[in-house]
Amino acid sequence: MSKKRTKKQQRDLENGLYLFLLLVAGVSFYFTQKLYLTLMIVGVVVILIIVVVVFKVKRVRKLIRWTAFSSSII
């Protein structure tokens, strides 16, 4: 079984993501000077983060299923 995150770890992770998105927004606005383009860039980054998390969860679940299946064979 995987270890669950504590509330503090979860809060730190969320704060890190918020800071990262704020940094992306600041850098993209600095270089483009266009608000709509900055919002689109931040939206793309958010979508990429969600996709990576979903694929990671699927991979871990598949690995857990395979591990349970292989241990039942033995």
C-alpha atoms as a PDB file:
ATOM      1  CA  MET A   1       0.000   0.000   0.000  1.00  0.00           C
ATOM      2  CA  SER A   2       1.123   3.509  -0.666  1.00  0.00           C
ATOM      3  CA  LYS A   3       1.509   5.963   2.157  1.00  0.00           C
ATOM      4  CA  LYS A   4      -1.087   8.706   2.386  1.00  0.00           C
ATOM      5  CA  ARG A   5       0.049  12.308   2.442  1.00  0.00           C
ATOM      6  CA  THR A   6      -0.436  14.257   5.611  1.00  0.00           C
ATOM      7  CA  LYS A   7      -2.461  17.455   5.506  1.00  0.00           C
ATOM      8  CA  LYS A   8       0.723  19.515   5.815  1.00  0.00           C
ATOM      9  CA  GLN A   9       2.371  17.688   2.907  1.00  0.00           C
ATOM     10  CA  GLN A  10      -0.755  18.163   0.799  1.00  0.00           C
ATOM     11  CA  ARG A  11      -0.910  21.862   1.675  1.00  0.00           C
ATOM     12  CA  ASP A  12       2.785  22.286   0.836  1.00  0.00           C
ATOM     13  CA  LEU A  13       2.269  20.551  -2.501  1.00  0.00           C
ATOM     14  CA  GLU A  14      -0.711  22.767  -3.347  1.00  0.00           C
ATOM     15  CA  ASN A  15       1.188  25.901  -2.338  1.00  0.00           C
ATOM     16  CA  GLY A  16       4.094  24.817  -4.525  1.00  0.00           C
ATOM     17  CA  LEU A  17       1.790  24.325  -7.501  1.00  0.00           C
ATOM     18  CA  TYR A  18       0.160  27.715  -6.931  1.00  0.00           C
ATOM     19  CA  LEU A  19       3.582  29.352  -6.749  1.00  0.00           C
ATOM     20  CA  PHE A  20       4.666  27.568  -9.929  1.00  0.00           C
ATOM     21  CA  LEU A  21       1.530  28.723 -11.784  1.00  0.00           C
ATOM     22  CA  LEU A  22       2.044  32.270 -10.527  1.00  0.00           C
ATOM     23  CA  LEU A  23       5.643  32.156 -11.755  1.00  0.00           C
ATOM     24  CA  VAL A  24       4.513  30.841 -15.161  1.00  0.00           C
ATOM     25  CA  ALA A  25       1.921  33.604 -15.374  1.00  0.00           C
ATOM     26  CA  GLY A  26       4.435  36.280 -14.431  1.00  0.00           C
ATOM     27  CA  VAL A  27       7.078  35.110 -16.886  1.00  0.00           C
ATOM     28  CA  SER A  28       4.623  34.668 -19.745  1.00  0.00           C
ATOM     29  CA  PHE A  29       3.054  38.079 -19.128  1.00  0.00           C
ATOM     30  CA  TYR A  30       6.509  39.670 -18.950  1.00  0.00           C
ATOM     31  CA  PHE A  31       7.465  38.251 -22.336  1.00  0.00           C
ATOM     32  CA  THR A  32       4.112  38.637 -24.136  1.00  0.00           C
ATOM     33  CA  GLN A  33       2.510  41.685 -22.442  1.00  0.00           C
ATOM     34  CA  LYS A  34      -0.888  40.213 -23.373  1.00  0.00           C
ATOM     35  CA  LEU A  35      -3.296  39.031 -20.698  1.00  0.00           C
ATOM     36  CA  TYR A  36      -5.308  36.629 -22.858  1.00  0.00           C
ATOM     37  CA  LEU A  37      -2.146  34.906 -24.073  1.00  0.00           C
ATOM     38  CA  THR A  38      -0.909  34.629 -20.485  1.00  0.00           C
ATOM     39  CA  LEU A  39      -4.197  33.026 -19.423  1.00  0.00           C
ATOM     40  CA  MET A  40      -3.984  30.582 -22.322  1.00  0.00           C
ATOM     41  CA  ILE A  41      -0.416  29.613 -21.385  1.00  0.00           C
ATOM     42  CA  VAL A  42      -1.377  29.092 -17.737  1.00  0.00           C
ATOM     43  CA  GLY A  43      -4.374  27.024 -18.881  1.00  0.00           C
ATOM     44  CA  VAL A  44      -2.145  24.814 -21.010  1.00  0.00           C
ATOM     45  CA  VAL A  45       0.234  24.303 -18.073  1.00  0.00           C
ATOM     46  CA  VAL A  46      -2.688  23.356 -15.792  1.00  0.00           C
ATOM     47  CA  ILE A  47      -3.972  20.867 -18.374  1.00  0.00           C
ATOM     48  CA  LEU A  48      -0.490  19.347 -18.725  1.00  0.00           C
ATOM     49  CA  ILE A  49      -0.204  18.962 -14.945  1.00  0.00           C
ATOM     50  CA  ILE A  50      -3.604  17.219 -14.828  1.00  0.00           C
ATOM     51  CA  VAL A  51      -2.658  14.876 -17.691  1.00  0.00           C
ATOM     52  CA  VAL A  52       0.640  13.929 -16.040  1.00  0.00           C
ATOM     53  CA  VAL A  53      -1.087  13.220 -12.712  1.00  0.00           C
ATOM     54  CA  VAL A  54      -3.782  11.082 -14.393  1.00  0.00           C
ATOM     55  CA  PHE A  55      -1.218   9.005 -16.292  1.00  0.00           C
ATOM     56  CA  LYS A  56       0.874   8.584 -13.154  1.00  0.00           C
ATOM     57  CA  VAL A  57      -2.150   7.352 -11.184  1.00  0.00           C
ATOM     58  CA  LYS A  58      -3.077   4.922 -13.969  1.00  0.00           C
ATOM     59  CA  ARG A  59       0.487   3.607 -14.074  1.00  0.00           C
ATOM     60  CA  VAL A  60       0.611   3.096 -10.321  1.00  0.00           C
ATOM     61  CA  ARG A  61      -2.761   1.327 -10.298  1.00  0.00           C
ATOM     62  CA  LYS A  62      -1.641  -0.937 -13.134  1.00  0.00           C
ATOM     63  CA  LEU A  63       1.583  -1.718 -11.263  1.00  0.00           C
ATOM     64  CA  ILE A  64      -0.359  -2.504  -8.078  1.00  0.00           C
ATOM     65  CA  ARG A  65      -2.743  -4.738 -10.007  1.00  0.00           C
ATOM     66  CA  TRP A  66       0.165  -6.545 -11.685  1.00  0.00           C
ATOM     67  CA  THR A  67       1.961  -6.970  -8.368  1.00  0.00           C
ATOM     68  CA  ALA A  68      -1.169  -8.413  -6.745  1.00  0.00           C
ATOM     69  CA  PHE A  69      -1.697 -10.713  -9.734  1.00  0.00           C
ATOM     70  CA  SER A  70       1.897 -11.959  -9.767  1.00  0.00           C
ATOM     71  CA  SER A  71       1.934 -12.552  -6.010  1.00  0.00           C
ATOM     72  CA  SER A  72      -1.268 -14.594  -6.283  1.00  0.00           C
ATOM     73  CA  ILE A  73       0.406 -16.851  -8.866  1.00  0.00           C
ATOM     74  CA  ILE A  74       3.272 -17.676  -6.514  1.00  0.00           C
END
